[in-house]
Amino acid sequence: MVTRRGIKNSENWTPLGIYLRDKRAALGISQKEMAAGIGVSSAYLSALEHGKRGKPSFALLQRIIGYLGVIWDEAEAVERLAQLSDPKAVIDTSDLSDKATLLACLIAEDIAHWDEETIERLTQALPKT
């Protein structure tokens, strides 16, 4: 589950970043400790959490899951959060309808101007996969 507990300015964090921050806090693990445990720099882990880096590779994600002791359903949820954590998402509409292409373009053009209420309302309206 993604929460914003204890995170200041969380609007810049990725869904995976929020999860990692909360999980580390619950386990009493510092960012520096976790970074060393998964074989990355603390600067990289910070950038990953804050959406300054793209989603992690499958291999790194598996190291993260193993390090945090995440199993089964929660591991699948973490993998999904990683998929939803690309700060530079690209939508390929080449095989979709003209309406889908228009929608993707309108979102890309306008999302920076939407308030949190609008974003939340639209997010809730989308099907969960």
Protein backbone atom coordinates (compact mmCIF):
# COMPACT_ATOMS: atom_id res chain seq x y z
CA MET A 1 0.00 0.00 0.00
CA VAL A 2 1.27 3.47 -0.85
CA THR A 3 1.11 5.98 1.96
CA ARG A 4 2.55 9.39 2.61
CA ARG A 5 3.31 8.85 6.29
CA GLY A 6 6.30 10.83 7.44
CA ILE A 7 7.22 12.15 4.01
CA LYS A 8 7.52 15.87 3.46
CA ASN A 9 6.82 17.17 -0.03
CA SER A 10 5.75 13.69 -1.09
CA GLU A 11 4.19 15.03 -4.29
CA ASN A 12 7.59 14.58 -5.94
CA TRP A 13 8.04 10.97 -4.82
CA THR A 14 7.19 8.00 -6.98
CA PRO A 15 4.74 5.33 -5.80
CA LEU A 16 7.69 2.96 -5.38
CA GLY A 17 9.65 5.67 -3.56
CA ILE A 18 6.85 6.23 -1.08
CA TYR A 19 6.63 2.48 -0.47
CA LEU A 20 10.40 2.15 0.02
CA ARG A 21 10.53 5.08 2.42
CA ASP A 22 7.65 3.73 4.51
CA LYS A 23 9.00 0.16 4.49
CA ARG A 24 12.49 1.30 5.50
CA ALA A 25 11.03 3.41 8.31
CA ALA A 26 8.91 0.50 9.54
CA LEU A 27 11.98 -1.76 9.58
CA GLY A 28 14.27 0.91 11.05
CA ILE A 29 16.61 0.84 8.05
CA SER A 30 18.41 3.97 6.90
CA GLN A 31 18.71 4.85 3.25
CA LYS A 32 22.48 4.38 3.50
CA GLU A 33 22.08 0.89 5.01
CA MET A 34 19.59 -0.20 2.37
CA ALA A 35 21.69 1.18 -0.47
CA ALA A 36 24.70 -0.81 0.74
CA GLY A 37 22.53 -3.90 1.17
CA ILE A 38 21.24 -3.82 -2.40
CA GLY A 39 24.52 -2.73 -3.98
CA VAL A 40 23.78 0.85 -5.04
CA SER A 41 24.87 4.25 -3.77
CA SER A 42 22.69 6.10 -1.29
CA ALA A 43 22.50 8.92 -3.87
CA TYR A 44 21.05 6.50 -6.41
CA LEU A 45 18.51 5.12 -3.92
CA SER A 46 17.48 8.65 -2.99
CA ALA A 47 17.09 9.57 -6.67
CA LEU A 48 15.04 6.40 -7.26
CA GLU A 49 12.71 7.24 -4.37
CA HIS A 50 12.29 10.85 -5.47
CA GLY A 51 11.58 10.07 -9.12
CA LYS A 52 14.85 11.49 -10.37
CA ARG A 53 15.72 8.06 -11.79
CA GLY A 54 13.55 5.82 -13.91
CA LYS A 55 12.08 2.62 -12.62
CA PRO A 56 14.66 0.07 -11.45
CA SER A 57 15.74 -2.89 -13.53
CA PHE A 58 14.13 -6.25 -12.82
CA ALA A 59 17.35 -7.49 -11.19
CA LEU A 60 17.58 -4.46 -8.88
CA LEU A 61 13.91 -4.71 -8.02
CA GLN A 62 14.41 -8.35 -7.01
CA ARG A 63 17.36 -7.34 -4.79
CA ILE A 64 15.15 -4.68 -3.17
CA ILE A 65 12.34 -7.17 -2.58
CA GLY A 66 14.77 -9.71 -1.11
CA TYR A 67 16.51 -7.15 1.09
CA LEU A 68 13.22 -5.94 2.55
CA GLY A 69 12.00 -9.51 3.11
CA VAL A 70 8.93 -8.99 0.95
CA ILE A 71 7.07 -12.14 -0.10
CA TRP A 72 4.31 -13.28 -2.47
CA ASP A 73 1.41 -10.87 -2.87
CA GLU A 74 3.35 -7.94 -1.47
CA ALA A 75 6.21 -8.67 -3.89
CA GLU A 76 3.75 -8.53 -6.80
CA ALA A 77 2.41 -5.23 -5.45
CA VAL A 78 5.97 -3.84 -5.24
CA GLU A 79 6.59 -4.90 -8.84
CA ARG A 80 3.41 -3.09 -9.88
CA LEU A 81 4.49 0.04 -7.97
CA ALA A 82 7.78 -0.07 -9.88
CA GLN A 83 5.87 -0.22 -13.17
CA LEU A 84 3.91 2.87 -12.10
CA SER A 85 7.01 4.79 -11.01
CA ASP A 86 8.53 5.95 -14.28
CA PRO A 87 8.77 9.75 -13.99
CA LYS A 88 9.00 10.03 -17.79
CA ALA A 89 6.16 7.77 -18.86
CA VAL A 90 5.62 7.27 -22.60
CA ILE A 91 2.30 6.24 -24.11
CA ASP A 92 2.49 4.41 -27.43
CA THR A 93 -0.85 4.90 -29.18
CA SER A 94 0.30 3.78 -32.64
CA ASP A 95 -2.05 0.77 -32.60
CA LEU A 96 -4.91 2.52 -30.81
CA SER A 97 -7.82 4.63 -31.97
CA ASP A 98 -7.61 8.31 -32.84
CA LYS A 99 -9.57 9.05 -29.66
CA ALA A 100 -6.97 7.22 -27.56
CA THR A 101 -4.20 9.24 -29.22
CA LEU A 102 -6.09 12.47 -28.55
CA LEU A 103 -6.61 11.50 -24.91
CA ALA A 104 -2.92 10.68 -24.43
CA CYS A 105 -1.89 13.99 -26.00
CA LEU A 106 -4.36 15.99 -23.90
CA ILE A 107 -3.11 14.34 -20.72
CA ALA A 108 0.53 14.99 -21.64
CA GLU A 109 -0.22 18.60 -22.48
CA ASP A 110 -2.35 19.45 -19.45
CA ILE A 111 -1.34 17.25 -16.51
CA ALA A 112 1.18 19.77 -15.18
CA HIS A 113 -1.69 22.21 -14.64
CA TRP A 114 -4.06 19.86 -12.82
CA ASP A 115 -4.62 20.24 -9.09
CA GLU A 116 -4.38 17.27 -6.72
CA GLU A 117 -8.16 16.91 -6.51
CA THR A 118 -8.44 16.51 -10.29
CA ILE A 119 -5.57 14.02 -10.38
CA GLU A 120 -7.11 11.99 -7.54
CA ARG A 121 -10.55 11.99 -9.18
CA LEU A 122 -9.18 10.82 -12.53
CA THR A 123 -6.92 8.22 -10.91
CA GLN A 124 -9.90 6.76 -9.04
CA ALA A 125 -11.92 6.62 -12.27
CA LEU A 126 -9.32 4.50 -14.06
CA PRO A 127 -9.56 0.70 -13.97
CA LYS A 128 -7.04 -0.98 -11.68
CA THR A 129 -5.00 -3.68 -13.39
